Amino acid sequence: MQNHFNKESLMKSKLISASAIAALAIAASSICVIESARAQTEPGAPIGTNPHLRSKSAGQAGSPGTTTVKMSQKDVSFIQKAAGNGAQEVENGKMAERQAKSAEVKNVAARIVADHTRLNKELTALANRKGVTFNTGGVRAQNLGSGNFDALYLKWLDEVHKADIAEFQRAAKSANDSELKAWASKTIPTLKQHLAMAEQAEKKSNVR
C-alpha cells in the first residue's frame, strides 16, 4: 500500500514537472515572437522579410516636399539663351547710348537697356526658383562693324528682335514649364515694341 502511494505521488510529480516545462516553453516562444515583431516595427530597425513592412518603408523613403522637379532640357536651353541675349542687348544698348549720334537712336537704346534689365531680373528670379543656373557676367558690348554706328545698331536690333520674338513665341506655345511659358508669353509684346521702335527709327534715319 505504501509502495502504491509512493508510485502515484512520483507520477503526479513528473506530470507537474512536464506541465511546467511545457508552459515555460510556450512563454519563451511568445516572448521571441513579440520581440521579433517589435524589432520589425521600431523606427530604424531592419525590416526583415515582412513584405507589408518593406512596402510601407519604401513608400516613406522620400519625405513630402523634398522631391525636386527638373525642367526639361528644352526649357533650360531657352532660359540660358534668353539670359545671354538679354544681357547682350543691355550691353549693346549702353554702348549705343554713348556712341549714337541720333537722339532717336539714343532714346531707343535707353528703352532697350531699361526693359531688358527688368526682364533679365525676372528671368533670373524664375531660373533660381527652378534650379537653373547661368552666368552672364562676361557679356560685353559687341563690335557691330565699321561705318554708320546708328545704322549698324538699328539693323542689329531689327535682326535680334525678329529672332527673339520667334523664340519666345515657340516657348509661349510649347514650353514644358507653365511658369516659363507664362513669362515668355507676357514678354512678347515688349519685344514687339522694341522691334517697332527700331524699324521706326530706321525709317526716320533712312538707314534701312
N, C-alpha and C. Protein backbone atom coordinates (compact mmCIF):
# COMPACT_ATOMS: atom_id res chain seq x y z
N MET A 1 0.84 -1.21 0.00
CA MET A 1 0.00 0.00 0.00
C MET A 1 0.87 1.25 0.00
N GLN A 2 1.87 1.22 0.77
CA GLN A 2 2.81 2.36 0.84
C GLN A 2 3.53 2.54 -0.48
N ASN A 3 3.92 1.41 -1.10
CA ASN A 3 4.61 1.47 -2.39
C ASN A 3 3.71 2.06 -3.46
N HIS A 4 2.43 1.65 -3.45
CA HIS A 4 1.48 2.17 -4.43
C HIS A 4 1.32 3.69 -4.28
N PHE A 5 1.23 4.16 -3.06
CA PHE A 5 1.11 5.59 -2.80
C PHE A 5 2.34 6.36 -3.29
N ASN A 6 3.50 5.80 -3.04
CA ASN A 6 4.74 6.45 -3.47
C ASN A 6 4.82 6.54 -4.99
N LYS A 7 4.40 5.45 -5.66
CA LYS A 7 4.43 5.46 -7.13
C LYS A 7 3.48 6.51 -7.69
N GLU A 8 2.27 6.59 -7.07
CA GLU A 8 1.28 7.58 -7.55
C GLU A 8 1.79 9.00 -7.34
N SER A 9 2.43 9.25 -6.22
CA SER A 9 2.97 10.58 -5.93
C SER A 9 4.08 10.93 -6.92
N LEU A 10 4.90 9.92 -7.24
CA LEU A 10 6.01 10.15 -8.17
C LEU A 10 5.49 10.49 -9.55
N MET A 11 4.42 9.80 -9.98
CA MET A 11 3.85 10.07 -11.32
C MET A 11 3.25 11.47 -11.38
N LYS A 12 2.55 11.87 -10.30
CA LYS A 12 1.98 13.22 -10.26
C LYS A 12 3.08 14.27 -10.33
N SER A 13 4.16 14.00 -9.64
CA SER A 13 5.29 14.95 -9.64
C SER A 13 5.88 15.10 -11.02
N LYS A 14 6.00 13.94 -11.71
CA LYS A 14 6.54 14.00 -13.07
C LYS A 14 5.61 14.77 -14.01
N LEU A 15 4.27 14.55 -13.86
CA LEU A 15 3.30 15.26 -14.70
C LEU A 15 3.36 16.77 -14.45
N ILE A 16 3.48 17.12 -13.17
CA ILE A 16 3.58 18.56 -12.85
C ILE A 16 4.83 19.17 -13.47
N SER A 17 5.94 18.45 -13.39
CA SER A 17 7.20 18.93 -13.96
C SER A 17 7.07 19.10 -15.47
N ALA A 18 6.45 18.10 -16.11
CA ALA A 18 6.28 18.16 -17.57
C ALA A 18 5.41 19.34 -17.95
N SER A 19 4.34 19.60 -17.20
CA SER A 19 3.44 20.73 -17.49
C SER A 19 4.17 22.05 -17.32
N ALA A 20 4.98 22.12 -16.28
CA ALA A 20 5.73 23.36 -16.02
C ALA A 20 6.71 23.64 -17.15
N ILE A 21 7.37 22.56 -17.60
CA ILE A 21 8.34 22.72 -18.71
C ILE A 21 7.63 23.18 -19.97
N ALA A 22 6.45 22.60 -20.26
CA ALA A 22 5.69 22.98 -21.46
C ALA A 22 5.25 24.43 -21.37
N ALA A 23 4.81 24.85 -20.19
CA ALA A 23 4.36 26.23 -20.01
C ALA A 23 5.52 27.21 -20.21
N LEU A 24 6.66 26.84 -19.69
CA LEU A 24 7.84 27.70 -19.86
C LEU A 24 8.23 27.79 -21.32
N ALA A 25 8.13 26.68 -22.04
CA ALA A 25 8.48 26.67 -23.46
C ALA A 25 7.54 27.57 -24.25
N ILE A 26 6.23 27.49 -23.93
CA ILE A 26 5.25 28.34 -24.62
C ILE A 26 5.51 29.81 -24.33
N ALA A 27 5.81 30.11 -23.09
CA ALA A 27 6.07 31.51 -22.70
C ALA A 27 7.30 32.05 -23.41
N ALA A 28 8.34 31.23 -23.49
CA ALA A 28 9.58 31.64 -24.16
C ALA A 28 9.32 31.89 -25.64
N SER A 29 8.51 31.02 -26.25
CA SER A 29 8.18 31.17 -27.67
C SER A 29 7.42 32.47 -27.90
N SER A 30 6.48 32.78 -27.01
CA SER A 30 5.69 34.00 -27.14
C SER A 30 6.57 35.23 -27.04
N ILE A 31 7.51 35.19 -26.11
CA ILE A 31 8.42 36.33 -25.93
C ILE A 31 9.25 36.55 -27.19
N CYS A 32 9.71 35.47 -27.82
CA CYS A 32 10.51 35.57 -29.05
C CYS A 32 9.70 36.21 -30.17
N VAL A 33 8.41 35.78 -30.30
CA VAL A 33 7.56 36.33 -31.35
C VAL A 33 7.32 37.81 -31.13
N ILE A 34 7.04 38.18 -29.87
CA ILE A 34 6.79 39.60 -29.56
C ILE A 34 8.01 40.45 -29.85
N GLU A 35 9.17 39.98 -29.43
CA GLU A 35 10.40 40.74 -29.65
C GLU A 35 10.70 40.87 -31.13
N SER A 36 10.43 39.79 -31.90
CA SER A 36 10.67 39.85 -33.34
C SER A 36 9.79 40.88 -34.01
N ALA A 37 8.51 40.90 -33.64
CA ALA A 37 7.58 41.88 -34.21
C ALA A 37 7.97 43.29 -33.82
N ARG A 38 8.41 43.45 -32.55
CA ARG A 38 8.83 44.78 -32.09
C ARG A 38 10.05 45.27 -32.86
N ALA A 39 10.96 44.38 -33.12
CA ALA A 39 12.18 44.76 -33.86
C ALA A 39 11.84 45.19 -35.27
N GLN A 40 10.78 44.59 -35.87
CA GLN A 40 10.42 44.93 -37.24
C GLN A 40 9.65 46.24 -37.32
N THR A 41 9.03 46.66 -36.25
CA THR A 41 8.20 47.86 -36.30
C THR A 41 8.86 49.08 -35.68
N GLU A 42 9.97 48.91 -34.97
CA GLU A 42 10.65 50.06 -34.40
C GLU A 42 11.34 50.87 -35.49
N PRO A 43 11.25 52.22 -35.42
CA PRO A 43 11.91 53.07 -36.41
C PRO A 43 13.40 52.77 -36.50
N GLY A 44 13.88 52.64 -37.73
CA GLY A 44 15.31 52.43 -37.95
C GLY A 44 15.72 51.00 -37.83
N ALA A 45 14.82 50.10 -37.41
CA ALA A 45 15.18 48.69 -37.25
C ALA A 45 15.11 47.98 -38.59
N PRO A 46 15.88 46.92 -38.78
CA PRO A 46 15.83 46.17 -40.03
C PRO A 46 14.42 45.68 -40.29
N ILE A 47 13.98 45.77 -41.53
CA ILE A 47 12.62 45.39 -41.87
C ILE A 47 12.47 43.88 -41.96
N GLY A 48 13.51 43.17 -42.27
CA GLY A 48 13.45 41.71 -42.33
C GLY A 48 12.73 41.25 -43.57
N THR A 49 11.92 40.23 -43.39
CA THR A 49 11.28 39.62 -44.56
C THR A 49 9.78 39.89 -44.61
N ASN A 50 9.29 40.83 -43.81
CA ASN A 50 7.87 41.13 -43.80
C ASN A 50 7.53 41.99 -45.01
N PRO A 51 6.80 41.47 -46.00
CA PRO A 51 6.56 42.23 -47.24
C PRO A 51 5.74 43.49 -47.01
N HIS A 52 4.80 43.46 -46.07
CA HIS A 52 3.98 44.64 -45.80
C HIS A 52 4.84 45.78 -45.26
N LEU A 53 5.71 45.46 -44.32
CA LEU A 53 6.58 46.48 -43.75
C LEU A 53 7.58 47.00 -44.77
N ARG A 54 8.07 46.14 -45.62
CA ARG A 54 9.02 46.58 -46.64
C ARG A 54 8.35 47.57 -47.59
N SER A 55 7.14 47.27 -47.99
CA SER A 55 6.40 48.14 -48.89
C SER A 55 6.14 49.50 -48.25
N LYS A 56 5.75 49.46 -46.97
CA LYS A 56 5.48 50.70 -46.26
C LYS A 56 6.72 51.55 -46.11
N SER A 57 7.84 50.93 -45.82
CA SER A 57 9.10 51.65 -45.66
C SER A 57 9.52 52.28 -46.97
N ALA A 58 9.36 51.56 -48.08
CA ALA A 58 9.75 52.09 -49.39
C ALA A 58 8.93 53.31 -49.74
N GLY A 59 7.65 53.30 -49.34
CA GLY A 59 6.79 54.43 -49.64
C GLY A 59 7.14 55.66 -48.83
N GLN A 60 7.82 55.49 -47.71
CA GLN A 60 8.18 56.62 -46.86
C GLN A 60 9.62 57.07 -47.06
N ALA A 61 10.28 56.52 -48.08
CA ALA A 61 11.70 56.82 -48.29
C ALA A 61 11.92 58.30 -48.54
N GLY A 62 11.02 58.95 -49.31
CA GLY A 62 11.18 60.37 -49.57
C GLY A 62 10.13 61.16 -48.81
N SER A 63 10.54 62.05 -47.96
CA SER A 63 9.58 62.81 -47.18
C SER A 63 8.94 63.88 -48.04
N PRO A 64 7.70 64.27 -47.73
CA PRO A 64 7.00 65.27 -48.55
C PRO A 64 7.78 66.57 -48.64
N GLY A 65 7.79 67.17 -49.85
CA GLY A 65 8.45 68.45 -50.04
C GLY A 65 9.91 68.37 -50.43
N THR A 66 10.48 67.17 -50.50
CA THR A 66 11.90 67.06 -50.82
C THR A 66 12.12 66.68 -52.28
N THR A 67 11.05 66.36 -53.00
CA THR A 67 11.20 65.96 -54.40
C THR A 67 11.50 67.18 -55.27
N THR A 68 12.54 67.10 -56.07
CA THR A 68 12.92 68.19 -56.96
C THR A 68 12.46 67.87 -58.38
N VAL A 69 11.62 68.73 -58.93
CA VAL A 69 11.13 68.54 -60.29
C VAL A 69 12.08 69.26 -61.24
N LYS A 70 12.72 68.51 -62.09
CA LYS A 70 13.69 69.09 -63.01
C LYS A 70 12.99 69.64 -64.25
N MET A 71 13.52 70.76 -64.77
CA MET A 71 12.99 71.31 -66.01
C MET A 71 13.52 70.49 -67.19
N SER A 72 12.78 70.51 -68.28
CA SER A 72 13.23 69.81 -69.47
C SER A 72 14.44 70.52 -70.04
N GLN A 73 15.24 69.80 -70.80
CA GLN A 73 16.43 70.40 -71.40
C GLN A 73 16.05 71.52 -72.36
N LYS A 74 14.91 71.36 -73.02
CA LYS A 74 14.42 72.40 -73.93
C LYS A 74 14.18 73.70 -73.19
N ASP A 75 13.54 73.62 -72.02
CA ASP A 75 13.25 74.82 -71.23
C ASP A 75 14.53 75.44 -70.67
N VAL A 76 15.44 74.58 -70.22
CA VAL A 76 16.71 75.08 -69.68
C VAL A 76 17.48 75.81 -70.77
N SER A 77 17.52 75.25 -71.97
CA SER A 77 18.24 75.87 -73.09
C SER A 77 17.63 77.23 -73.44
N PHE A 78 16.31 77.31 -73.41
CA PHE A 78 15.65 78.58 -73.71
C PHE A 78 16.02 79.64 -72.67
N ILE A 79 15.98 79.25 -71.39
CA ILE A 79 16.32 80.19 -70.32
C ILE A 79 17.74 80.71 -70.48
N GLN A 80 18.67 79.80 -70.71
CA GLN A 80 20.07 80.20 -70.84
C GLN A 80 20.31 81.09 -72.06
N LYS A 81 19.65 80.75 -73.17
CA LYS A 81 19.80 81.56 -74.39
C LYS A 81 19.17 82.93 -74.21
N ALA A 82 17.97 82.96 -73.62
CA ALA A 82 17.29 84.24 -73.39
C ALA A 82 18.08 85.13 -72.45
N ALA A 83 18.70 84.52 -71.44
CA ALA A 83 19.51 85.29 -70.49
C ALA A 83 20.72 85.91 -71.19
N GLY A 84 21.39 85.11 -72.02
CA GLY A 84 22.55 85.61 -72.74
C GLY A 84 22.19 86.72 -73.72
N ASN A 85 21.09 86.52 -74.46
CA ASN A 85 20.66 87.54 -75.42
C ASN A 85 20.21 88.82 -74.71
N GLY A 86 19.52 88.65 -73.57
CA GLY A 86 19.08 89.82 -72.83
C GLY A 86 20.25 90.63 -72.30
N ALA A 87 21.25 89.94 -71.79
CA ALA A 87 22.45 90.64 -71.29
C ALA A 87 23.17 91.35 -72.43
N GLN A 88 23.19 90.71 -73.61
CA GLN A 88 23.85 91.33 -74.76
C GLN A 88 23.12 92.60 -75.19
N GLU A 89 21.79 92.57 -75.13
CA GLU A 89 21.03 93.76 -75.52
C GLU A 89 21.26 94.91 -74.55
N VAL A 90 21.45 94.60 -73.28
CA VAL A 90 21.74 95.65 -72.30
C VAL A 90 23.11 96.27 -72.57
N GLU A 91 24.11 95.43 -72.81
CA GLU A 91 25.46 95.95 -73.05
C GLU A 91 25.55 96.74 -74.36
N ASN A 92 24.94 96.21 -75.42
CA ASN A 92 24.95 96.94 -76.70
C ASN A 92 24.14 98.24 -76.59
N GLY A 93 23.06 98.19 -75.78
CA GLY A 93 22.26 99.39 -75.59
C GLY A 93 23.04 100.48 -74.87
N LYS A 94 23.80 100.09 -73.85
CA LYS A 94 24.63 101.07 -73.14
C LYS A 94 25.66 101.69 -74.07
N MET A 95 26.24 100.83 -74.93
CA MET A 95 27.20 101.34 -75.91
C MET A 95 26.54 102.34 -76.85
N ALA A 96 25.31 102.03 -77.29
CA ALA A 96 24.59 102.92 -78.21
C ALA A 96 24.22 104.23 -77.54
N GLU A 97 23.91 104.19 -76.24
CA GLU A 97 23.62 105.44 -75.53
C GLU A 97 24.82 106.37 -75.56
N ARG A 98 26.01 105.81 -75.56
CA ARG A 98 27.24 106.62 -75.57
C ARG A 98 27.64 107.05 -76.97
N GLN A 99 27.49 106.14 -77.94
CA GLN A 99 28.10 106.36 -79.25
C GLN A 99 27.13 106.83 -80.34
N ALA A 100 25.86 106.63 -80.16
CA ALA A 100 24.91 107.02 -81.22
C ALA A 100 24.91 108.53 -81.41
N LYS A 101 24.73 108.95 -82.65
CA LYS A 101 24.69 110.38 -82.95
C LYS A 101 23.26 110.92 -82.90
N SER A 102 22.32 110.09 -83.31
CA SER A 102 20.93 110.49 -83.35
C SER A 102 20.28 110.40 -81.98
N ALA A 103 19.52 111.43 -81.62
CA ALA A 103 18.78 111.43 -80.36
C ALA A 103 17.74 110.30 -80.38
N GLU A 104 17.18 110.06 -81.56
CA GLU A 104 16.20 108.98 -81.70
C GLU A 104 16.81 107.63 -81.33
N VAL A 105 18.01 107.36 -81.83
CA VAL A 105 18.68 106.08 -81.56
C VAL A 105 19.07 106.00 -80.09
N LYS A 106 19.51 107.11 -79.51
CA LYS A 106 19.87 107.11 -78.09
C LYS A 106 18.64 106.76 -77.24
N ASN A 107 17.47 107.31 -77.62
CA ASN A 107 16.24 107.02 -76.88
C ASN A 107 15.85 105.55 -77.00
N VAL A 108 16.00 105.02 -78.21
CA VAL A 108 15.70 103.60 -78.41
C VAL A 108 16.63 102.75 -77.53
N ALA A 109 17.90 103.08 -77.52
CA ALA A 109 18.89 102.33 -76.75
C ALA A 109 18.56 102.38 -75.25
N ALA A 110 18.15 103.57 -74.76
CA ALA A 110 17.81 103.73 -73.35
C ALA A 110 16.61 102.85 -72.98
N ARG A 111 15.63 102.78 -73.88
CA ARG A 111 14.46 101.94 -73.64
C ARG A 111 14.86 100.46 -73.62
N ILE A 112 15.74 100.07 -74.54
CA ILE A 112 16.21 98.69 -74.60
C ILE A 112 16.91 98.32 -73.29
N VAL A 113 17.78 99.20 -72.82
CA VAL A 113 18.54 98.93 -71.58
C VAL A 113 17.58 98.78 -70.40
N ALA A 114 16.62 99.70 -70.28
CA ALA A 114 15.69 99.66 -69.14
C ALA A 114 14.83 98.40 -69.18
N ASP A 115 14.26 98.09 -70.33
CA ASP A 115 13.35 96.95 -70.43
C ASP A 115 14.08 95.62 -70.24
N HIS A 116 15.23 95.48 -70.86
CA HIS A 116 15.93 94.20 -70.77
C HIS A 116 16.61 94.01 -69.40
N THR A 117 16.94 95.09 -68.73
CA THR A 117 17.43 94.97 -67.36
C THR A 117 16.33 94.39 -66.48
N ARG A 118 15.12 94.90 -66.65
CA ARG A 118 13.96 94.39 -65.89
C ARG A 118 13.66 92.94 -66.26
N LEU A 119 13.64 92.64 -67.55
CA LEU A 119 13.33 91.27 -68.00
C LEU A 119 14.40 90.28 -67.52
N ASN A 120 15.64 90.74 -67.53
CA ASN A 120 16.73 89.86 -67.08
C ASN A 120 16.58 89.52 -65.60
N LYS A 121 16.13 90.49 -64.81
CA LYS A 121 15.92 90.24 -63.37
C LYS A 121 14.78 89.25 -63.17
N GLU A 122 13.72 89.40 -63.95
CA GLU A 122 12.59 88.47 -63.86
C GLU A 122 13.02 87.06 -64.24
N LEU A 123 13.79 86.95 -65.32
CA LEU A 123 14.23 85.64 -65.77
C LEU A 123 15.19 85.00 -64.76
N THR A 124 16.05 85.81 -64.17
CA THR A 124 16.98 85.29 -63.16
C THR A 124 16.23 84.75 -61.96
N ALA A 125 15.21 85.47 -61.52
CA ALA A 125 14.40 85.02 -60.38
C ALA A 125 13.68 83.72 -60.72
N LEU A 126 13.13 83.63 -61.91
CA LEU A 126 12.44 82.41 -62.34
C LEU A 126 13.41 81.23 -62.38
N ALA A 127 14.58 81.47 -62.98
CA ALA A 127 15.59 80.40 -63.09
C ALA A 127 16.03 79.92 -61.72
N ASN A 128 16.19 80.84 -60.77
CA ASN A 128 16.60 80.46 -59.41
C ASN A 128 15.55 79.57 -58.76
N ARG A 129 14.29 79.87 -58.99
CA ARG A 129 13.22 79.05 -58.42
C ARG A 129 13.22 77.64 -59.02
N LYS A 130 13.69 77.53 -60.24
CA LYS A 130 13.69 76.24 -60.93
C LYS A 130 15.02 75.50 -60.79
N GLY A 131 16.00 76.14 -60.16
CA GLY A 131 17.30 75.48 -60.01
C GLY A 131 18.15 75.53 -61.25
N VAL A 132 17.86 76.47 -62.16
CA VAL A 132 18.64 76.62 -63.40
C VAL A 132 19.66 77.72 -63.21
N THR A 133 20.89 77.47 -63.59
CA THR A 133 21.96 78.46 -63.40
C THR A 133 22.51 78.93 -64.75
N PHE A 134 22.97 80.16 -64.76
CA PHE A 134 23.67 80.71 -65.93
C PHE A 134 24.52 81.87 -65.44
N ASN A 135 25.51 82.22 -66.22
CA ASN A 135 26.41 83.31 -65.84
C ASN A 135 26.57 84.25 -67.03
N THR A 136 26.03 85.45 -66.91
CA THR A 136 26.14 86.44 -67.98
C THR A 136 27.13 87.55 -67.61
N GLY A 137 27.91 87.30 -66.59
CA GLY A 137 28.85 88.32 -66.12
C GLY A 137 29.93 88.67 -67.14
N GLY A 138 30.20 87.76 -68.06
CA GLY A 138 31.26 88.02 -69.03
C GLY A 138 30.77 88.65 -70.33
N VAL A 139 29.48 88.96 -70.41
CA VAL A 139 28.93 89.55 -71.65
C VAL A 139 29.40 90.99 -71.78
N ARG A 140 29.94 91.31 -72.94
CA ARG A 140 30.42 92.67 -73.24
C ARG A 140 29.77 93.18 -74.52
N ALA A 141 29.81 94.48 -74.71
CA ALA A 141 29.25 95.07 -75.92
C ALA A 141 29.96 94.53 -77.15
N GLN A 142 29.20 94.30 -78.21
CA GLN A 142 29.75 93.74 -79.44
C GLN A 142 30.32 94.82 -80.35
N ASN A 143 31.23 94.40 -81.19
CA ASN A 143 31.70 95.26 -82.27
C ASN A 143 30.73 95.07 -83.43
N LEU A 144 29.92 96.06 -83.68
CA LEU A 144 28.87 95.93 -84.70
C LEU A 144 29.38 96.20 -86.11
N GLY A 145 30.63 96.53 -86.23
CA GLY A 145 31.22 96.75 -87.55
C GLY A 145 31.60 98.21 -87.74
N SER A 146 32.24 98.48 -88.85
CA SER A 146 32.67 99.85 -89.15
C SER A 146 31.62 100.55 -90.01
N GLY A 147 31.60 101.85 -89.92
CA GLY A 147 30.63 102.60 -90.70
C GLY A 147 29.70 103.39 -89.81
N ASN A 148 28.48 103.62 -90.30
CA ASN A 148 27.48 104.40 -89.58
C ASN A 148 27.00 103.59 -88.37
N PHE A 149 27.42 104.02 -87.18
CA PHE A 149 27.09 103.27 -85.98
C PHE A 149 25.58 103.19 -85.77
N ASP A 150 24.87 104.29 -85.95
CA ASP A 150 23.43 104.31 -85.72
C ASP A 150 22.74 103.28 -86.62
N ALA A 151 23.14 103.26 -87.88
CA ALA A 151 22.52 102.32 -88.82
C ALA A 151 22.85 100.88 -88.44
N LEU A 152 24.09 100.63 -88.05
CA LEU A 152 24.50 99.28 -87.67
C LEU A 152 23.76 98.80 -86.42
N TYR A 153 23.59 99.71 -85.47
CA TYR A 153 22.91 99.32 -84.24
C TYR A 153 21.44 99.02 -84.50
N LEU A 154 20.78 99.87 -85.27
CA LEU A 154 19.36 99.66 -85.56
C LEU A 154 19.14 98.38 -86.37
N LYS A 155 20.05 98.12 -87.29
CA LYS A 155 19.95 96.89 -88.09
C LYS A 155 20.11 95.66 -87.17
N TRP A 156 21.06 95.76 -86.25
CA TRP A 156 21.28 94.65 -85.31
C TRP A 156 20.04 94.43 -84.45
N LEU A 157 19.46 95.54 -83.94
CA LEU A 157 18.24 95.43 -83.15
C LEU A 157 17.12 94.76 -83.93
N ASP A 158 16.97 95.15 -85.18
CA ASP A 158 15.93 94.59 -86.05
C ASP A 158 16.09 93.07 -86.15
N GLU A 159 17.29 92.63 -86.46
CA GLU A 159 17.54 91.20 -86.67
C GLU A 159 17.38 90.41 -85.36
N VAL A 160 17.94 90.95 -84.28
CA VAL A 160 17.90 90.27 -83.00
C VAL A 160 16.46 90.11 -82.50
N HIS A 161 15.67 91.16 -82.63
CA HIS A 161 14.32 91.09 -82.09
C HIS A 161 13.40 90.21 -82.94
N LYS A 162 13.63 90.14 -84.22
CA LYS A 162 12.84 89.21 -85.04
C LYS A 162 13.13 87.77 -84.60
N ALA A 163 14.40 87.49 -84.35
CA ALA A 163 14.78 86.15 -83.90
C ALA A 163 14.24 85.88 -82.49
N ASP A 164 14.34 86.90 -81.62
CA ASP A 164 13.86 86.74 -80.24
C ASP A 164 12.36 86.48 -80.20
N ILE A 165 11.62 87.23 -80.98
CA ILE A 165 10.17 87.07 -80.98
C ILE A 165 9.78 85.66 -81.41
N ALA A 166 10.46 85.14 -82.42
CA ALA A 166 10.18 83.77 -82.88
C ALA A 166 10.50 82.75 -81.77
N GLU A 167 11.62 82.95 -81.08
CA GLU A 167 12.00 82.04 -79.99
C GLU A 167 10.99 82.10 -78.83
N PHE A 168 10.58 83.31 -78.47
CA PHE A 168 9.65 83.48 -77.36
C PHE A 168 8.25 82.95 -77.72
N GLN A 169 7.87 83.08 -78.97
CA GLN A 169 6.58 82.55 -79.38
C GLN A 169 6.57 81.03 -79.30
N ARG A 170 7.68 80.41 -79.64
CA ARG A 170 7.77 78.95 -79.52
C ARG A 170 7.69 78.53 -78.05
N ALA A 171 8.41 79.27 -77.19
CA ALA A 171 8.39 78.93 -75.77
C ALA A 171 7.01 79.15 -75.17
N ALA A 172 6.33 80.23 -75.58
CA ALA A 172 5.00 80.52 -75.06
C ALA A 172 4.00 79.45 -75.47
N LYS A 173 4.29 78.78 -76.57
CA LYS A 173 3.38 77.75 -77.07
C LYS A 173 3.73 76.35 -76.56
N SER A 174 5.03 76.06 -76.46
CA SER A 174 5.40 74.66 -76.21
C SER A 174 6.36 74.42 -75.05
N ALA A 175 6.64 75.44 -74.23
CA ALA A 175 7.50 75.20 -73.06
C ALA A 175 6.82 74.19 -72.14
N ASN A 176 7.61 73.32 -71.53
CA ASN A 176 7.05 72.32 -70.63
C ASN A 176 6.67 72.92 -69.27
N ASP A 177 7.43 73.91 -68.82
CA ASP A 177 7.17 74.53 -67.53
C ASP A 177 6.13 75.63 -67.69
N SER A 178 5.05 75.56 -66.94
CA SER A 178 3.94 76.51 -67.09
C SER A 178 4.35 77.94 -66.73
N GLU A 179 5.20 78.09 -65.72
CA GLU A 179 5.63 79.43 -65.32
C GLU A 179 6.51 80.07 -66.39
N LEU A 180 7.39 79.26 -66.98
CA LEU A 180 8.24 79.77 -68.06
C LEU A 180 7.39 80.13 -69.27
N LYS A 181 6.40 79.30 -69.56
CA LYS A 181 5.51 79.56 -70.69
C LYS A 181 4.78 80.89 -70.50
N ALA A 182 4.31 81.14 -69.29
CA ALA A 182 3.59 82.39 -68.99
C ALA A 182 4.52 83.60 -69.11
N TRP A 183 5.75 83.44 -68.63
CA TRP A 183 6.71 84.56 -68.70
C TRP A 183 7.05 84.89 -70.15
N ALA A 184 7.28 83.87 -70.94
CA ALA A 184 7.59 84.10 -72.36
C ALA A 184 6.43 84.80 -73.05
N SER A 185 5.23 84.36 -72.74
CA SER A 185 4.04 84.93 -73.38
C SER A 185 3.87 86.42 -73.04
N LYS A 186 4.08 86.78 -71.78
CA LYS A 186 3.89 88.18 -71.38
C LYS A 186 5.05 89.08 -71.82
N THR A 187 6.17 88.47 -72.23
CA THR A 187 7.33 89.25 -72.67
C THR A 187 7.25 89.60 -74.16
N ILE A 188 6.52 88.83 -74.92
CA ILE A 188 6.44 89.04 -76.37
C ILE A 188 6.00 90.45 -76.75
N PRO A 189 4.97 91.03 -76.13
CA PRO A 189 4.58 92.40 -76.50
C PRO A 189 5.71 93.42 -76.36
N THR A 190 6.53 93.27 -75.32
CA THR A 190 7.67 94.18 -75.13
C THR A 190 8.67 94.03 -76.26
N LEU A 191 8.95 92.80 -76.65
CA LEU A 191 9.89 92.56 -77.75
C LEU A 191 9.35 93.13 -79.06
N LYS A 192 8.06 93.02 -79.27
CA LYS A 192 7.45 93.57 -80.49
C LYS A 192 7.52 95.10 -80.48
N GLN A 193 7.39 95.69 -79.31
CA GLN A 193 7.53 97.15 -79.21
C GLN A 193 8.95 97.57 -79.57
N HIS A 194 9.93 96.80 -79.09
CA HIS A 194 11.33 97.11 -79.42
C HIS A 194 11.56 97.03 -80.92
N LEU A 195 11.02 96.00 -81.54
CA LEU A 195 11.19 95.84 -82.99
C LEU A 195 10.55 97.01 -83.73
N ALA A 196 9.36 97.40 -83.30
CA ALA A 196 8.66 98.52 -83.95
C ALA A 196 9.45 99.82 -83.78
N MET A 197 10.02 100.04 -82.60
CA MET A 197 10.84 101.23 -82.35
C MET A 197 12.06 101.26 -83.25
N ALA A 198 12.72 100.10 -83.38
CA ALA A 198 13.91 100.02 -84.23
C ALA A 198 13.55 100.30 -85.69
N GLU A 199 12.46 99.72 -86.16
CA GLU A 199 12.05 99.91 -87.56
C GLU A 199 11.65 101.36 -87.83
N GLN A 200 10.97 101.97 -86.85
CA GLN A 200 10.57 103.37 -87.00
C GLN A 200 11.81 104.27 -87.03
N ALA A 201 12.77 103.99 -86.17
CA ALA A 201 14.00 104.79 -86.14
C ALA A 201 14.77 104.62 -87.44
N GLU A 202 14.76 103.41 -88.00
CA GLU A 202 15.45 103.17 -89.27
C GLU A 202 14.81 104.00 -90.39
N LYS A 203 13.48 104.06 -90.38
CA LYS A 203 12.78 104.83 -91.42
C LYS A 203 13.07 106.31 -91.28
N LYS A 204 13.03 106.80 -90.06
CA LYS A 204 13.30 108.23 -89.83
C LYS A 204 14.74 108.59 -90.23
N SER A 205 15.64 107.67 -89.94
CA SER A 205 17.05 107.94 -90.24
C SER A 205 17.41 107.55 -91.66
N ASN A 206 16.46 106.92 -92.34
CA ASN A 206 16.67 106.46 -93.71
C ASN A 206 17.92 105.56 -93.80
N VAL A 207 17.97 104.59 -92.88
CA VAL A 207 19.16 103.73 -92.84
C VAL A 207 18.83 102.27 -93.12
N ARG A 208 17.61 102.00 -93.57
CA ARG A 208 17.23 100.61 -93.84
C ARG A 208 17.83 100.15 -95.16
